[in-house]
């Protein structure tokens, strides 16, 4: 899919602090987050719970998950 094409969001549901919530992300981010979770010996749900616990007030969970994926990708990539 080209960069200018519309991205389809995929929703996944999790239980966070005893409440069910849905998070919508692009498939590429879900795949990256699943790989990160596996590398860390976690399930995707455990990773999402950990990110939720660390995010600041007013930070959107979907944004926090995207930033995590990008930060970890940047750490793994050779420097430009």
PDB file of N, CA and C in Angstrom:
ATOM      1  N   UNK A   1       0.853  -1.175   0.000  1.00  0.00           N
ATOM      2  CA  UNK A   1       0.000   0.000   0.000  1.00  0.00           C
ATOM      3  C   UNK A   1       0.893   1.229   0.000  1.00  0.00           C
ATOM      4  N   UNK A   2       0.608   2.194  -0.827  1.00  0.00           N
ATOM      5  CA  UNK A   2       1.398   3.412  -0.905  1.00  0.00           C
ATOM      6  C   UNK A   2       1.210   4.297   0.310  1.00  0.00           C
ATOM      7  N   UNK A   3       2.150   5.190   0.518  1.00  0.00           N
ATOM      8  CA  UNK A   3       2.076   6.070   1.687  1.00  0.00           C
ATOM      9  C   UNK A   3       0.877   7.004   1.638  1.00  0.00           C
ATOM     10  N   UNK A   4       0.398   7.345   0.458  1.00  0.00           N
ATOM     11  CA  UNK A   4      -0.730   8.247   0.356  1.00  0.00           C
ATOM     12  C   UNK A   4      -2.082   7.564   0.513  1.00  0.00           C
ATOM     13  N   UNK A   5      -2.092   6.246   0.511  1.00  0.00           N
ATOM     14  CA  UNK A   5      -3.351   5.503   0.611  1.00  0.00           C
ATOM     15  C   UNK A   5      -3.885   5.552   2.038  1.00  0.00           C
ATOM     16  N   UNK A   6      -5.181   5.473   2.145  1.00  0.00           N
ATOM     17  CA  UNK A   6      -5.820   5.474   3.469  1.00  0.00           C
ATOM     18  C   UNK A   6      -5.471   4.184   4.200  1.00  0.00           C
ATOM     19  N   UNK A   7      -5.215   4.306   5.479  1.00  0.00           N
ATOM     20  CA  UNK A   7      -4.892   3.148   6.312  1.00  0.00           C
ATOM     21  C   UNK A   7      -6.143   2.681   7.026  1.00  0.00           C
ATOM     22  N   UNK A   8      -6.287   1.382   7.103  1.00  0.00           N
ATOM     23  CA  UNK A   8      -7.421   0.792   7.801  1.00  0.00           C
ATOM     24  C   UNK A   8      -6.983   0.507   9.231  1.00  0.00           C
ATOM     25  N   UNK A   9      -7.784   0.961  10.184  1.00  0.00           N
ATOM     26  CA  UNK A   9      -7.494   0.704  11.583  1.00  0.00           C
ATOM     27  C   UNK A   9      -8.149  -0.598  12.009  1.00  0.00           C
ATOM     28  N   UNK A  10      -7.428  -1.336  12.802  1.00  0.00           N
ATOM     29  CA  UNK A  10      -7.934  -2.593  13.339  1.00  0.00           C
ATOM     30  C   UNK A  10      -8.081  -2.434  14.844  1.00  0.00           C
ATOM     31  N   UNK A  11      -9.250  -2.785  15.366  1.00  0.00           N
ATOM     32  CA  UNK A  11      -9.498  -2.642  16.807  1.00  0.00           C
ATOM     33  C   UNK A  11      -9.203  -3.950  17.532  1.00  0.00           C
ATOM     34  N   UNK A  12      -8.609  -3.797  18.696  1.00  0.00           N
ATOM     35  CA  UNK A  12      -8.396  -4.927  19.603  1.00  0.00           C
ATOM     36  C   UNK A  12      -8.879  -4.498  20.978  1.00  0.00           C
ATOM     37  N   UNK A  13      -9.417  -5.432  21.724  1.00  0.00           N
ATOM     38  CA  UNK A  13      -9.949  -5.122  23.057  1.00  0.00           C
ATOM     39  C   UNK A  13      -9.057  -5.704  24.140  1.00  0.00           C
ATOM     40  N   UNK A  14      -8.919  -4.946  25.223  1.00  0.00           N
ATOM     41  CA  UNK A  14      -8.091  -5.333  26.359  1.00  0.00           C
ATOM     42  C   UNK A  14      -8.802  -4.953  27.646  1.00  0.00           C
ATOM     43  N   UNK A  15      -8.414  -5.598  28.733  1.00  0.00           N
ATOM     44  CA  UNK A  15      -8.902  -5.212  30.048  1.00  0.00           C
ATOM     45  C   UNK A  15      -7.796  -4.425  30.729  1.00  0.00           C
ATOM     46  N   UNK A  16      -8.081  -3.160  31.008  1.00  0.00           N
ATOM     47  CA  UNK A  16      -7.119  -2.268  31.636  1.00  0.00           C
ATOM     48  C   UNK A  16      -7.720  -1.731  32.926  1.00  0.00           C
ATOM     49  N   UNK A  17      -7.048  -1.974  34.033  1.00  0.00           N
ATOM     50  CA  UNK A  17      -7.521  -1.530  35.344  1.00  0.00           C
ATOM     51  C   UNK A  17      -8.954  -2.004  35.588  1.00  0.00           C
ATOM     52  N   UNK A  18      -9.254  -3.238  35.172  1.00  0.00           N
ATOM     53  CA  UNK A  18     -10.567  -3.824  35.406  1.00  0.00           C
ATOM     54  C   UNK A  18     -11.656  -3.404  34.443  1.00  0.00           C
ATOM     55  N   UNK A  19     -11.316  -2.624  33.424  1.00  0.00           N
ATOM     56  CA  UNK A  19     -12.309  -2.152  32.453  1.00  0.00           C
ATOM     57  C   UNK A  19     -11.908  -2.577  31.050  1.00  0.00           C
ATOM     58  N   UNK A  20     -12.884  -3.008  30.259  1.00  0.00           N
ATOM     59  CA  UNK A  20     -12.631  -3.351  28.863  1.00  0.00           C
ATOM     60  C   UNK A  20     -12.502  -2.072  28.057  1.00  0.00           C
ATOM     61  N   UNK A  21     -11.510  -2.039  27.203  1.00  0.00           N
ATOM     62  CA  UNK A  21     -11.323  -0.895  26.318  1.00  0.00           C
ATOM     63  C   UNK A  21     -10.827  -1.398  24.972  1.00  0.00           C
ATOM     64  N   UNK A  22     -11.114  -0.663  23.941  1.00  0.00           N
ATOM     65  CA  UNK A  22     -10.660  -1.008  22.599  1.00  0.00           C
ATOM     66  C   UNK A  22      -9.626  -0.001  22.144  1.00  0.00           C
ATOM     67  N   UNK A  23      -8.655  -0.497  21.401  1.00  0.00           N
ATOM     68  CA  UNK A  23      -7.603   0.344  20.841  1.00  0.00           C
ATOM     69  C   UNK A  23      -7.583   0.092  19.342  1.00  0.00           C
ATOM     70  N   UNK A  24      -7.563   1.161  18.573  1.00  0.00           N
ATOM     71  CA  UNK A  24      -7.529   1.056  17.115  1.00  0.00           C
ATOM     72  C   UNK A  24      -6.160   1.497  16.612  1.00  0.00           C
ATOM     73  N   UNK A  25      -5.480   0.589  15.908  1.00  0.00           N
ATOM     74  CA  UNK A  25      -4.177   0.872  15.310  1.00  0.00           C
ATOM     75  C   UNK A  25      -4.117   0.244  13.927  1.00  0.00           C
ATOM     76  N   UNK A  26      -3.186   0.706  13.134  1.00  0.00           N
ATOM     77  CA  UNK A  26      -2.921   0.111  11.844  1.00  0.00           C
ATOM     78  C   UNK A  26      -2.322  -1.281  12.054  1.00  0.00           C
ATOM     79  N   UNK A  27      -2.564  -2.174  11.092  1.00  0.00           N
ATOM     80  CA  UNK A  27      -2.076  -3.556  11.192  1.00  0.00           C
ATOM     81  C   UNK A  27      -0.564  -3.608  11.378  1.00  0.00           C
ATOM     82  N   UNK A  28       0.159  -2.694  10.742  1.00  0.00           N
ATOM     83  CA  UNK A  28       1.618  -2.679  10.864  1.00  0.00           C
ATOM     84  C   UNK A  28       2.060  -2.428  12.303  1.00  0.00           C
ATOM     85  N   UNK A  29       1.333  -1.565  13.010  1.00  0.00           N
ATOM     86  CA  UNK A  29       1.674  -1.306  14.410  1.00  0.00           C
ATOM     87  C   UNK A  29       1.334  -2.501  15.284  1.00  0.00           C
ATOM     88  N   UNK A  30       0.192  -3.147  15.040  1.00  0.00           N
ATOM     89  CA  UNK A  30      -0.134  -4.346  15.814  1.00  0.00           C
ATOM     90  C   UNK A  30       0.931  -5.416  15.621  1.00  0.00           C
ATOM     91  N   UNK A  31       1.397  -5.594  14.387  1.00  0.00           N
ATOM     92  CA  UNK A  31       2.423  -6.597  14.117  1.00  0.00           C
ATOM     93  C   UNK A  31       3.728  -6.251  14.832  1.00  0.00           C
ATOM     94  N   UNK A  32       4.116  -4.986  14.784  1.00  0.00           N
ATOM     95  CA  UNK A  32       5.345  -4.557  15.455  1.00  0.00           C
ATOM     96  C   UNK A  32       5.231  -4.740  16.965  1.00  0.00           C
ATOM     97  N   UNK A  33       4.100  -4.392  17.527  1.00  0.00           N
ATOM     98  CA  UNK A  33       3.907  -4.528  18.973  1.00  0.00           C
ATOM     99  C   UNK A  33       3.889  -5.995  19.390  1.00  0.00           C
ATOM    100  N   UNK A  34       3.306  -6.858  18.573  1.00  0.00           N
ATOM    101  CA  UNK A  34       3.306  -8.289  18.884  1.00  0.00           C
ATOM    102  C   UNK A  34       4.735  -8.839  18.879  1.00  0.00           C
ATOM    103  N   UNK A  35       5.562  -8.385  17.925  1.00  0.00           N
ATOM    104  CA  UNK A  35       6.963  -8.808  17.890  1.00  0.00           C
ATOM    105  C   UNK A  35       7.715  -8.315  19.119  1.00  0.00           C
ATOM    106  N   UNK A  36       7.484  -7.058  19.509  1.00  0.00           N
ATOM    107  CA  UNK A  36       8.143  -6.515  20.701  1.00  0.00           C
ATOM    108  C   UNK A  36       7.744  -7.289  21.943  1.00  0.00           C
ATOM    109  N   UNK A  37       6.465  -7.589  22.062  1.00  0.00           N
ATOM    110  CA  UNK A  37       5.992  -8.346  23.217  1.00  0.00           C
ATOM    111  C   UNK A  37       6.677  -9.709  23.267  1.00  0.00           C
ATOM    112  N   UNK A  38       6.751 -10.382  22.133  1.00  0.00           N
ATOM    113  CA  UNK A  38       7.391 -11.700  22.085  1.00  0.00           C
ATOM    114  C   UNK A  38       8.864 -11.606  22.451  1.00  0.00           C
ATOM    115  N   UNK A  39       9.543 -10.575  21.952  1.00  0.00           N
ATOM    116  CA  UNK A  39      10.961 -10.388  22.292  1.00  0.00           C
ATOM    117  C   UNK A  39      11.155 -10.173  23.787  1.00  0.00           C
ATOM    118  N   UNK A  40      10.176  -9.545  24.423  1.00  0.00           N
ATOM    119  CA  UNK A  40      10.247  -9.266  25.857  1.00  0.00           C
ATOM    120  C   UNK A  40       9.657 -10.391  26.706  1.00  0.00           C
ATOM    121  N   UNK A  41       9.225 -11.478  26.055  1.00  0.00           N
ATOM    122  CA  UNK A  41       8.642 -12.603  26.779  1.00  0.00           C
ATOM    123  C   UNK A  41       7.269 -12.295  27.354  1.00  0.00           C
ATOM    124  N   UNK A  42       6.521 -11.436  26.663  1.00  0.00           N
ATOM    125  CA  UNK A  42       5.187 -11.037  27.107  1.00  0.00           C
ATOM    126  C   UNK A  42       4.164 -11.377  26.034  1.00  0.00           C
ATOM    127  N   UNK A  43       2.907 -11.364  26.457  1.00  0.00           N
ATOM    128  CA  UNK A  43       1.822 -11.398  25.487  1.00  0.00           C
ATOM    129  C   UNK A  43       1.570  -9.953  25.049  1.00  0.00           C
ATOM    130  N   UNK A  44       0.852  -9.807  23.963  1.00  0.00           N
ATOM    131  CA  UNK A  44       0.479  -8.466  23.517  1.00  0.00           C
ATOM    132  C   UNK A  44      -0.346  -7.765  24.593  1.00  0.00           C
ATOM    133  N   UNK A  45      -1.249  -8.498  25.225  1.00  0.00           N
ATOM    134  CA  UNK A  45      -2.079  -7.902  26.290  1.00  0.00           C
ATOM    135  C   UNK A  45      -1.214  -7.392  27.440  1.00  0.00           C
ATOM    136  N   UNK A  46      -0.191  -8.148  27.818  1.00  0.00           N
ATOM    137  CA  UNK A  46       0.692  -7.702  28.895  1.00  0.00           C
ATOM    138  C   UNK A  46       1.448  -6.438  28.513  1.00  0.00           C
ATOM    139  N   UNK A  47       1.882  -6.363  27.268  1.00  0.00           N
ATOM    140  CA  UNK A  47       2.564  -5.165  26.792  1.00  0.00           C
ATOM    141  C   UNK A  47       1.638  -3.961  26.851  1.00  0.00           C
ATOM    142  N   UNK A  48       0.406  -4.124  26.397  1.00  0.00           N
ATOM    143  CA  UNK A  48      -0.559  -3.020  26.401  1.00  0.00           C
ATOM    144  C   UNK A  48      -0.843  -2.568  27.837  1.00  0.00           C
ATOM    145  N   UNK A  49      -1.002  -3.509  28.745  1.00  0.00           N
ATOM    146  CA  UNK A  49      -1.238  -3.156  30.157  1.00  0.00           C
ATOM    147  C   UNK A  49      -0.053  -2.356  30.704  1.00  0.00           C
ATOM    148  N   UNK A  50       1.171  -2.767  30.382  1.00  0.00           N
ATOM    149  CA  UNK A  50       2.359  -2.068  30.865  1.00  0.00           C
ATOM    150  C   UNK A  50       2.431  -0.647  30.301  1.00  0.00           C
ATOM    151  N   UNK A  51       2.135  -0.488  29.029  1.00  0.00           N
ATOM    152  CA  UNK A  51       2.149   0.846  28.417  1.00  0.00           C
ATOM    153  C   UNK A  51       1.068   1.719  29.053  1.00  0.00           C
ATOM    154  N   UNK A  52      -0.096   1.135  29.278  1.00  0.00           N
ATOM    155  CA  UNK A  52      -1.190   1.883  29.904  1.00  0.00           C
ATOM    156  C   UNK A  52      -0.785   2.379  31.288  1.00  0.00           C
ATOM    157  N   UNK A  53      -0.085   1.551  32.047  1.00  0.00           N
ATOM    158  CA  UNK A  53       0.311   1.918  33.401  1.00  0.00           C
ATOM    159  C   UNK A  53       1.353   3.038  33.409  1.00  0.00           C
ATOM    160  N   UNK A  54       2.156   3.134  32.348  1.00  0.00           N
ATOM    161  CA  UNK A  54       3.234   4.129  32.293  1.00  0.00           C
ATOM    162  C   UNK A  54       2.839   5.439  31.634  1.00  0.00           C
ATOM    163  N   UNK A  55       1.752   5.441  30.883  1.00  0.00           N
ATOM    164  CA  UNK A  55       1.447   6.666  30.122  1.00  0.00           C
ATOM    165  C   UNK A  55       0.967   7.773  31.048  1.00  0.00           C
ATOM    166  N   UNK A  56       1.251   8.992  30.640  1.00  0.00           N
ATOM    167  CA  UNK A  56       0.898  10.148  31.438  1.00  0.00           C
ATOM    168  C   UNK A  56      -0.557  10.537  31.274  1.00  0.00           C
ATOM    169  N   UNK A  57      -1.010  11.373  32.182  1.00  0.00           N
ATOM    170  CA  UNK A  57      -2.387  11.875  32.111  1.00  0.00           C
ATOM    171  C   UNK A  57      -2.574  12.625  30.794  1.00  0.00           C
ATOM    172  N   UNK A  58      -3.659  12.339  30.137  1.00  0.00           N
ATOM    173  CA  UNK A  58      -3.959  13.016  28.882  1.00  0.00           C
ATOM    174  C   UNK A  58      -3.325  12.386  27.655  1.00  0.00           C
ATOM    175  N   UNK A  59      -2.447  11.392  27.834  1.00  0.00           N
ATOM    176  CA  UNK A  59      -1.844  10.710  26.695  1.00  0.00           C
ATOM    177  C   UNK A  59      -2.777   9.602  26.212  1.00  0.00           C
ATOM    178  N   UNK A  60      -3.027   9.575  24.936  1.00  0.00           N
ATOM    179  CA  UNK A  60      -3.886   8.553  24.353  1.00  0.00           C
ATOM    180  C   UNK A  60      -3.134   7.225  24.303  1.00  0.00           C
ATOM    181  N   UNK A  61      -3.817   6.135  24.624  1.00  0.00           N
ATOM    182  CA  UNK A  61      -3.180   4.822  24.627  1.00  0.00           C
ATOM    183  C   UNK A  61      -2.683   4.454  23.235  1.00  0.00           C
ATOM    184  N   UNK A  62      -3.473   4.691  22.212  1.00  0.00           N
ATOM    185  CA  UNK A  62      -3.055   4.354  20.848  1.00  0.00           C
ATOM    186  C   UNK A  62      -1.778   5.099  20.478  1.00  0.00           C
ATOM    187  N   UNK A  63      -1.697   6.368  20.833  1.00  0.00           N
ATOM    188  CA  UNK A  63      -0.496   7.152  20.543  1.00  0.00           C
ATOM    189  C   UNK A  63       0.704   6.615  21.313  1.00  0.00           C
ATOM    190  N   UNK A  64       0.502   6.267  22.572  1.00  0.00           N
ATOM    191  CA  UNK A  64       1.590   5.725  23.391  1.00  0.00           C
ATOM    192  C   UNK A  64       2.111   4.414  22.803  1.00  0.00           C
ATOM    193  N   UNK A  65       1.225   3.586  22.279  1.00  0.00           N
ATOM    194  CA  UNK A  65       1.633   2.326  21.667  1.00  0.00           C
ATOM    195  C   UNK A  65       2.413   2.566  20.370  1.00  0.00           C
ATOM    196  N   UNK A  66       1.955   3.519  19.567  1.00  0.00           N
ATOM    197  CA  UNK A  66       2.678   3.838  18.333  1.00  0.00           C
ATOM    198  C   UNK A  66       4.080   4.366  18.646  1.00  0.00           C
ATOM    199  N   UNK A  67       4.167   5.248  19.629  1.00  0.00           N
ATOM    200  CA  UNK A  67       5.466   5.816  20.002  1.00  0.00           C
ATOM    201  C   UNK A  67       6.403   4.722  20.505  1.00  0.00           C
ATOM    202  N   UNK A  68       5.899   3.801  21.302  1.00  0.00           N
ATOM    203  CA  UNK A  68       6.724   2.686  21.771  1.00  0.00           C
ATOM    204  C   UNK A  68       7.280   1.899  20.592  1.00  0.00           C
ATOM    205  N   UNK A  69       6.428   1.569  19.642  1.00  0.00           N
ATOM    206  CA  UNK A  69       6.868   0.798  18.472  1.00  0.00           C
ATOM    207  C   UNK A  69       7.954   1.557  17.710  1.00  0.00           C
ATOM    208  N   UNK A  70       7.771   2.847  17.526  1.00  0.00           N
ATOM    209  CA  UNK A  70       8.760   3.645  16.797  1.00  0.00           C
ATOM    210  C   UNK A  70      10.063   3.775  17.576  1.00  0.00           C
ATOM    211  N   UNK A  71       9.973   3.998  18.865  1.00  0.00           N
ATOM    212  CA  UNK A  71      11.190   4.116  19.678  1.00  0.00           C
ATOM    213  C   UNK A  71      12.000   2.829  19.649  1.00  0.00           C
ATOM    214  N   UNK A  72      11.328   1.700  19.814  1.00  0.00           N
ATOM    215  CA  UNK A  72      12.040   0.420  19.812  1.00  0.00           C
ATOM    216  C   UNK A  72      12.631   0.129  18.433  1.00  0.00           C
ATOM    217  N   UNK A  73      11.921   0.503  17.376  1.00  0.00           N
ATOM    218  CA  UNK A  73      12.462   0.319  16.024  1.00  0.00           C
ATOM    219  C   UNK A  73      13.695   1.191  15.835  1.00  0.00           C
ATOM    220  N   UNK A  74      13.646   2.416  16.324  1.00  0.00           N
ATOM    221  CA  UNK A  74      14.791   3.319  16.205  1.00  0.00           C
ATOM    222  C   UNK A  74      15.984   2.820  17.007  1.00  0.00           C
ATOM    223  N   UNK A  75      15.732   2.214  18.169  1.00  0.00           N
ATOM    224  CA  UNK A  75      16.825   1.668  18.976  1.00  0.00           C
ATOM    225  C   UNK A  75      17.510   0.510  18.262  1.00  0.00           C
ATOM    226  N   UNK A  76      16.727  -0.264  17.536  1.00  0.00           N
ATOM    227  CA  UNK A  76      17.262  -1.447  16.864  1.00  0.00           C
ATOM    228  C   UNK A  76      17.929  -1.115  15.528  1.00  0.00           C
ATOM    229  N   UNK A  77      17.570   0.023  14.950  1.00  0.00           N
ATOM    230  CA  UNK A  77      18.090   0.385  13.632  1.00  0.00           C
ATOM    231  C   UNK A  77      19.464   1.030  13.745  1.00  0.00           C
ATOM    232  N   UNK A  78      20.295   0.843  12.746  1.00  0.00           N
ATOM    233  CA  UNK A  78      21.578   1.545  12.752  1.00  0.00           C
ATOM    234  C   UNK A  78      21.340   3.052  12.676  1.00  0.00           C
ATOM    235  N   UNK A  79      22.227   3.806  13.270  1.00  0.00           N
ATOM    236  CA  UNK A  79      22.044   5.268  13.259  1.00  0.00           C
ATOM    237  C   UNK A  79      22.201   5.804  11.856  1.00  0.00           C
ATOM    238  N   UNK A  80      21.510   6.869  11.588  1.00  0.00           N
ATOM    239  CA  UNK A  80      21.500   7.474  10.249  1.00  0.00           C
ATOM    240  C   UNK A  80      22.743   8.241  10.127  1.00  0.00           C
TER     241      UNK A  80
END
